[in-house]
Structure formats: structure tokens, C-alpha cells
Amino acid sequence: MEQSLVSVFLGLGLSAATGFRVFVPLLVINLAARGGFLELSPKFGWMASSEAMIAFGAATVLEIVAYYVPWLDNLLDTVATPAAVVAGMVATASVVTGMDPVLRVILAIIAGGGLAGAIQMATASGRQISSVATAGLGNPILSTLELVGSLGLSILAVLMPIIAGLLVLLTLILVVRRLRRRRATP
């Protein structure tokens, strides 16, 4: 399969993972690039630097801890939604290779940012529902599931990008179908 298509699937998987946690996929990108498992796009070499590793590592730890603080988790979703869009765009643009730079930017904005934002908004909505339904007691469970989802999807995207990309696309198709059925039902 053509390398650029594989890198698109990689970008989709990583951008979807940023919808669950903003910094986990960026740290995975850094570690994978440093370990030689991942080729970064031109102009994104900085993501493999030691400075980026420290910044992404610290931000990841802070983000994980903050989502376990009962009132802070909902507040964090307000900031995390636009941050996830940006992180999704960066994640996609950083790994898509062998493609015209203009197409890469368009793909990063539409697919990377859009996918990350949609997933983040869904998780934020789920957290609000959980906060009301369980008085916040269910939120740590959601936080754990989101962390596992972000880390698992990030690692899968790096190791098996086609499977990760297809998983994201299949999930997206199923969600859209379900939403259409809900709208069609009076």
C-alpha cells in the first residue's frame, strides 16, 4: 500500500486519540519518533526533541491527574475541546508524509481537527451526563476509559496504522448511522 495512504490512516488514528486525551498521543508521537518507529513530516522534527518530550510528558501527567478531580474535569473539558482540535491537526500534519503540503494541511484541518473535536465534544457530553446521573461518582470511570482509549489507539496507530484508521472510520460510520436513525424516529 502506498506510504502516503498509510500515513493518512496513522494521522486519523492519532487525531482520534487526541479527542480522548490531548497530550497522550503527542507524547506517543514523540516517543515513537525518538525510537525510530515513526517518520515525521518535514517541519515537524521538533516533535521528536527532548524539549518536546519533557513538555508533552508534563502536560500528559497534569491532564491525567486533572481529569480525576471532581469539579475540575468538567471545567477542563471547556479548554480541552479547542485544544483537542489543534492537537488533532498537529498530530495529523506531523505524520502524514508523501503528500503535497497543501493537501496535508487541508487533511489536518478537516479530518484531524474535525475528528478530534467531535470525539472531545462527545466525551465532554458524556462527562456532563455522568456528572448529573451519578453526582460525579462515575466520572473517574469515564476518565480511565478515555485514558485507556487514547493510549491504546495511539499505540495501535503507530504499530498498525491501517487497522487503527479503519477502526476509526468504521466507528465513525456506525455513529453517523445511529444518529440518522435517531433523527428519523419521531
C-alpha atoms as a PDB file:
ATOM      1  CA  MET A   1       0.000   0.000   0.000  1.00  0.00           C
ATOM      2  CA  GLU A   2       1.231   3.451  -0.781  1.00  0.00           C
ATOM      3  CA  GLN A   3       3.092   5.092   2.102  1.00  0.00           C
ATOM      4  CA  SER A   4       1.036   8.292   1.964  1.00  0.00           C
ATOM      5  CA  LEU A   5      -2.203   6.340   2.474  1.00  0.00           C
ATOM      6  CA  VAL A   6      -0.683   4.515   5.441  1.00  0.00           C
ATOM      7  CA  SER A   7       0.351   7.847   6.915  1.00  0.00           C
ATOM      8  CA  VAL A   8      -3.207   9.164   6.456  1.00  0.00           C
ATOM      9  CA  PHE A   9      -4.562   6.210   8.466  1.00  0.00           C
ATOM     10  CA  LEU A  10      -1.862   6.894  11.065  1.00  0.00           C
ATOM     11  CA  GLY A  11      -2.957  10.536  11.227  1.00  0.00           C
ATOM     12  CA  LEU A  12      -6.623   9.562  11.602  1.00  0.00           C
ATOM     13  CA  GLY A  13      -5.839   7.201  14.461  1.00  0.00           C
ATOM     14  CA  LEU A  14      -3.701   9.735  16.291  1.00  0.00           C
ATOM     15  CA  SER A  15      -6.133  12.605  15.782  1.00  0.00           C
ATOM     16  CA  ALA A  16      -9.000  10.474  17.101  1.00  0.00           C
ATOM     17  CA  ALA A  17      -6.864   9.658  20.151  1.00  0.00           C
ATOM     18  CA  THR A  18      -6.393  13.390  20.840  1.00  0.00           C
ATOM     19  CA  GLY A  19     -10.168  13.608  21.195  1.00  0.00           C
ATOM     20  CA  PHE A  20      -9.914  11.392  24.273  1.00  0.00           C
ATOM     21  CA  ARG A  21      -6.775  12.984  25.754  1.00  0.00           C
ATOM     22  CA  VAL A  22      -4.991  15.931  24.191  1.00  0.00           C
ATOM     23  CA  PHE A  23      -1.412  15.208  25.186  1.00  0.00           C
ATOM     24  CA  VAL A  24      -1.174  11.398  25.328  1.00  0.00           C
ATOM     25  CA  PRO A  25      -0.988  10.991  21.513  1.00  0.00           C
ATOM     26  CA  LEU A  26       1.524  13.839  21.224  1.00  0.00           C
ATOM     27  CA  LEU A  27       3.747  12.111  23.782  1.00  0.00           C
ATOM     28  CA  VAL A  28       3.346   8.808  21.887  1.00  0.00           C
ATOM     29  CA  ILE A  29       4.336  10.572  18.655  1.00  0.00           C
ATOM     30  CA  ASN A  30       7.424  11.970  20.380  1.00  0.00           C
ATOM     31  CA  LEU A  31       8.480   8.627  21.848  1.00  0.00           C
ATOM     32  CA  ALA A  32       7.776   6.704  18.623  1.00  0.00           C
ATOM     33  CA  ALA A  33       9.731   9.203  16.534  1.00  0.00           C
ATOM     34  CA  ARG A  34      12.623   9.175  19.013  1.00  0.00           C
ATOM     35  CA  GLY A  35      12.613   5.373  18.924  1.00  0.00           C
ATOM     36  CA  GLY A  36      12.679   5.250  15.122  1.00  0.00           C
ATOM     37  CA  PHE A  37       9.174   3.785  14.823  1.00  0.00           C
ATOM     38  CA  LEU A  38       7.669   6.851  13.217  1.00  0.00           C
ATOM     39  CA  GLU A  39       8.711   9.219  10.448  1.00  0.00           C
ATOM     40  CA  LEU A  40       7.668  12.814  10.984  1.00  0.00           C
ATOM     41  CA  SER A  41       6.661  15.190   8.213  1.00  0.00           C
ATOM     42  CA  PRO A  42       9.039  17.925   7.181  1.00  0.00           C
ATOM     43  CA  LYS A  43       8.970  20.860   9.624  1.00  0.00           C
ATOM     44  CA  PHE A  44       7.703  18.632  12.465  1.00  0.00           C
ATOM     45  CA  GLY A  45      11.080  17.303  13.557  1.00  0.00           C
ATOM     46  CA  TRP A  46      10.770  19.408  16.701  1.00  0.00           C
ATOM     47  CA  MET A  47       8.172  16.914  17.950  1.00  0.00           C
ATOM     48  CA  ALA A  48      10.946  14.357  18.464  1.00  0.00           C
ATOM     49  CA  SER A  49      13.106  16.694  20.552  1.00  0.00           C
ATOM     50  CA  SER A  50      13.956  16.238  24.220  1.00  0.00           C
ATOM     51  CA  GLU A  51      12.237  19.537  24.987  1.00  0.00           C
ATOM     52  CA  ALA A  52       9.017  18.312  23.374  1.00  0.00           C
ATOM     53  CA  MET A  53       9.267  15.049  25.315  1.00  0.00           C
ATOM     54  CA  ILE A  54       9.521  16.959  28.610  1.00  0.00           C
ATOM     55  CA  ALA A  55       6.683  19.324  27.683  1.00  0.00           C
ATOM     56  CA  PHE A  56       4.377  16.569  26.395  1.00  0.00           C
ATOM     57  CA  GLY A  57       5.229  14.337  29.356  1.00  0.00           C
ATOM     58  CA  ALA A  58       4.488  17.028  31.936  1.00  0.00           C
ATOM     59  CA  ALA A  59       1.295  18.080  30.147  1.00  0.00           C
ATOM     60  CA  THR A  60       0.166  14.451  29.926  1.00  0.00           C
ATOM     61  CA  VAL A  61       0.626  13.890  33.658  1.00  0.00           C
ATOM     62  CA  LEU A  62      -1.178  17.142  34.517  1.00  0.00           C
ATOM     63  CA  GLU A  63      -4.044  16.334  32.142  1.00  0.00           C
ATOM     64  CA  ILE A  64      -4.479  12.812  33.521  1.00  0.00           C
ATOM     65  CA  VAL A  65      -4.479  13.995  37.137  1.00  0.00           C
ATOM     66  CA  ALA A  66      -6.831  16.915  36.417  1.00  0.00           C
ATOM     67  CA  TYR A  67      -9.477  14.625  34.938  1.00  0.00           C
ATOM     68  CA  TYR A  68      -9.688  12.780  38.272  1.00  0.00           C
ATOM     69  CA  VAL A  69     -10.515  15.949  40.232  1.00  0.00           C
ATOM     70  CA  PRO A  70     -14.335  16.016  40.508  1.00  0.00           C
ATOM     71  CA  TRP A  71     -15.121  19.647  39.622  1.00  0.00           C
ATOM     72  CA  LEU A  72     -12.028  20.246  37.507  1.00  0.00           C
ATOM     73  CA  ASP A  73     -12.858  17.534  34.958  1.00  0.00           C
ATOM     74  CA  ASN A  74     -15.914  19.372  33.615  1.00  0.00           C
ATOM     75  CA  LEU A  75     -14.065  22.699  33.627  1.00  0.00           C
ATOM     76  CA  LEU A  76     -11.139  21.111  31.802  1.00  0.00           C
ATOM     77  CA  ASP A  77     -13.473  19.956  29.016  1.00  0.00           C
ATOM     78  CA  THR A  78     -14.110  23.622  28.191  1.00  0.00           C
ATOM     79  CA  VAL A  79     -10.411  24.129  27.492  1.00  0.00           C
ATOM     80  CA  ALA A  80      -9.765  20.641  26.137  1.00  0.00           C
ATOM     81  CA  THR A  81     -12.246  20.897  23.272  1.00  0.00           C
ATOM     82  CA  PRO A  82     -10.430  23.618  21.297  1.00  0.00           C
ATOM     83  CA  ALA A  83      -7.090  22.172  22.417  1.00  0.00           C
ATOM     84  CA  ALA A  84      -8.092  18.755  21.038  1.00  0.00           C
ATOM     85  CA  VAL A  85      -8.904  20.312  17.665  1.00  0.00           C
ATOM     86  CA  VAL A  86      -5.456  21.916  17.498  1.00  0.00           C
ATOM     87  CA  ALA A  87      -3.744  18.746  18.759  1.00  0.00           C
ATOM     88  CA  GLY A  88      -5.632  16.672  16.184  1.00  0.00           C
ATOM     89  CA  MET A  89      -4.460  18.970  13.413  1.00  0.00           C
ATOM     90  CA  VAL A  90      -0.855  18.864  14.661  1.00  0.00           C
ATOM     91  CA  ALA A  91      -0.915  15.089  15.116  1.00  0.00           C
ATOM     92  CA  THR A  92      -2.219  14.538  11.596  1.00  0.00           C
ATOM     93  CA  ALA A  93       0.066  17.073   9.926  1.00  0.00           C
ATOM     94  CA  SER A  94       3.105  15.719  11.761  1.00  0.00           C
ATOM     95  CA  VAL A  95       2.774  12.158  10.475  1.00  0.00           C
ATOM     96  CA  VAL A  96       1.253  12.481   7.003  1.00  0.00           C
ATOM     97  CA  THR A  97       4.139  12.093   4.592  1.00  0.00           C
ATOM     98  CA  GLY A  98       4.465  11.751   0.828  1.00  0.00           C
ATOM     99  CA  MET A  99       1.667  14.217   0.173  1.00  0.00           C
ATOM    100  CA  ASP A 100       1.508  17.702  -1.260  1.00  0.00           C
ATOM    101  CA  PRO A 101       1.896  20.157   1.661  1.00  0.00           C
ATOM    102  CA  VAL A 102      -1.336  21.982   0.804  1.00  0.00           C
ATOM    103  CA  LEU A 103      -3.306  18.709   0.801  1.00  0.00           C
ATOM    104  CA  ARG A 104      -1.629  17.721   4.078  1.00  0.00           C
ATOM    105  CA  VAL A 105      -2.761  20.970   5.713  1.00  0.00           C
ATOM    106  CA  ILE A 106      -6.312  20.577   4.381  1.00  0.00           C
ATOM    107  CA  LEU A 107      -6.421  16.977   5.624  1.00  0.00           C
ATOM    108  CA  ALA A 108      -5.041  18.018   9.005  1.00  0.00           C
ATOM    109  CA  ILE A 109      -7.620  20.772   9.444  1.00  0.00           C
ATOM    110  CA  ILE A 110     -10.678  18.893   8.218  1.00  0.00           C
ATOM    111  CA  ALA A 111     -10.011  15.292   9.215  1.00  0.00           C
ATOM    112  CA  GLY A 112      -7.533  15.736  12.063  1.00  0.00           C
ATOM    113  CA  GLY A 113      -9.114  18.707  13.778  1.00  0.00           C
ATOM    114  CA  GLY A 114     -12.670  17.713  12.966  1.00  0.00           C
ATOM    115  CA  LEU A 115     -12.311  14.158  14.213  1.00  0.00           C
ATOM    116  CA  ALA A 116     -10.534  15.201  17.412  1.00  0.00           C
ATOM    117  CA  GLY A 117     -13.111  17.910  18.111  1.00  0.00           C
ATOM    118  CA  ALA A 118     -16.063  15.594  17.525  1.00  0.00           C
ATOM    119  CA  ILE A 119     -14.677  12.950  19.854  1.00  0.00           C
ATOM    120  CA  GLN A 120     -13.787  15.512  22.526  1.00  0.00           C
ATOM    121  CA  MET A 121     -17.287  17.023  22.379  1.00  0.00           C
ATOM    122  CA  ALA A 122     -18.805  13.549  22.723  1.00  0.00           C
ATOM    123  CA  THR A 123     -16.647  12.736  25.750  1.00  0.00           C
ATOM    124  CA  ALA A 124     -17.453  16.120  27.313  1.00  0.00           C
ATOM    125  CA  SER A 125     -21.168  15.452  26.821  1.00  0.00           C
ATOM    126  CA  GLY A 126     -20.773  12.018  28.354  1.00  0.00           C
ATOM    127  CA  ARG A 127     -18.999  13.510  31.348  1.00  0.00           C
ATOM    128  CA  GLN A 128     -21.790  16.068  31.865  1.00  0.00           C
ATOM    129  CA  ILE A 129     -24.412  13.324  31.710  1.00  0.00           C
ATOM    130  CA  SER A 130     -22.361  11.258  34.153  1.00  0.00           C
ATOM    131  CA  SER A 131     -21.979  14.236  36.470  1.00  0.00           C
ATOM    132  CA  VAL A 132     -25.744  14.682  36.648  1.00  0.00           C
ATOM    133  CA  ALA A 133     -26.686  10.989  36.726  1.00  0.00           C
ATOM    134  CA  THR A 134     -24.050   9.872  39.249  1.00  0.00           C
ATOM    135  CA  ALA A 135     -23.305  13.138  41.077  1.00  0.00           C
ATOM    136  CA  GLY A 136     -19.826  12.906  39.590  1.00  0.00           C
ATOM    137  CA  LEU A 137     -19.059   9.457  41.026  1.00  0.00           C
ATOM    138  CA  GLY A 138     -18.985   7.892  37.544  1.00  0.00           C
ATOM    139  CA  ASN A 139     -16.570  10.448  36.118  1.00  0.00           C
ATOM    140  CA  PRO A 140     -13.360   8.696  37.267  1.00  0.00           C
ATOM    141  CA  ILE A 141     -14.512   5.598  35.402  1.00  0.00           C
ATOM    142  CA  LEU A 142     -15.039   7.689  32.262  1.00  0.00           C
ATOM    143  CA  SER A 143     -11.647   9.326  32.762  1.00  0.00           C
ATOM    144  CA  THR A 144      -9.975   5.933  32.980  1.00  0.00           C
ATOM    145  CA  LEU A 145     -11.765   4.669  29.860  1.00  0.00           C
ATOM    146  CA  GLU A 146     -10.786   7.816  27.943  1.00  0.00           C
ATOM    147  CA  LEU A 147      -7.148   7.470  29.026  1.00  0.00           C
ATOM    148  CA  VAL A 148      -7.043   3.808  28.022  1.00  0.00           C
ATOM    149  CA  GLY A 149      -8.751   4.660  24.724  1.00  0.00           C
ATOM    150  CA  SER A 150      -6.291   7.443  23.948  1.00  0.00           C
ATOM    151  CA  LEU A 151      -3.209   5.437  24.852  1.00  0.00           C
ATOM    152  CA  GLY A 152      -4.429   2.249  23.193  1.00  0.00           C
ATOM    153  CA  LEU A 153      -5.480   3.982  19.987  1.00  0.00           C
ATOM    154  CA  SER A 154      -2.228   5.970  19.847  1.00  0.00           C
ATOM    155  CA  ILE A 155      -0.107   2.843  20.189  1.00  0.00           C
ATOM    156  CA  LEU A 156      -2.279   0.930  17.702  1.00  0.00           C
ATOM    157  CA  ALA A 157      -1.976   3.805  15.227  1.00  0.00           C
ATOM    158  CA  VAL A 158       1.819   3.740  15.431  1.00  0.00           C
ATOM    159  CA  LEU A 159       2.152  -0.047  15.261  1.00  0.00           C
ATOM    160  CA  MET A 160      -0.746  -0.861  12.900  1.00  0.00           C
ATOM    161  CA  PRO A 161      -1.896   2.377  11.251  1.00  0.00           C
ATOM    162  CA  ILE A 162      -4.206   0.763   8.710  1.00  0.00           C
ATOM    163  CA  ILE A 163      -6.102  -1.146  11.392  1.00  0.00           C
ATOM    164  CA  ALA A 164      -6.326   1.962  13.596  1.00  0.00           C
ATOM    165  CA  GLY A 165      -7.536   4.130  10.712  1.00  0.00           C
ATOM    166  CA  LEU A 166     -10.103   1.574   9.616  1.00  0.00           C
ATOM    167  CA  LEU A 167     -11.297   1.191  13.219  1.00  0.00           C
ATOM    168  CA  VAL A 168     -11.783   4.958  13.474  1.00  0.00           C
ATOM    169  CA  LEU A 169     -13.604   5.116  10.124  1.00  0.00           C
ATOM    170  CA  LEU A 170     -15.826   2.141  10.989  1.00  0.00           C
ATOM    171  CA  THR A 171     -16.718   3.686  14.344  1.00  0.00           C
ATOM    172  CA  LEU A 172     -17.479   6.996  12.668  1.00  0.00           C
ATOM    173  CA  ILE A 173     -19.789   5.278  10.155  1.00  0.00           C
ATOM    174  CA  LEU A 174     -21.635   3.438  12.931  1.00  0.00           C
ATOM    175  CA  VAL A 175     -22.104   6.631  14.954  1.00  0.00           C
ATOM    176  CA  VAL A 176     -23.415   8.545  11.930  1.00  0.00           C
ATOM    177  CA  ARG A 177     -25.867   5.732  11.137  1.00  0.00           C
ATOM    178  CA  ARG A 178     -27.095   5.678  14.713  1.00  0.00           C
ATOM    179  CA  LEU A 179     -27.592   9.452  14.730  1.00  0.00           C
ATOM    180  CA  ARG A 180     -29.525   9.282  11.457  1.00  0.00           C
ATOM    181  CA  ARG A 181     -31.806   6.593  12.874  1.00  0.00           C
ATOM    182  CA  ARG A 182     -32.481   8.720  15.966  1.00  0.00           C
ATOM    183  CA  ARG A 183     -33.407  11.710  13.809  1.00  0.00           C
ATOM    184  CA  ALA A 184     -35.655   9.593  11.595  1.00  0.00           C
ATOM    185  CA  THR A 185     -37.538   8.165  14.605  1.00  0.00           C
ATOM    186  CA  PRO A 186     -40.345  10.523  15.674  1.00  0.00           C
END
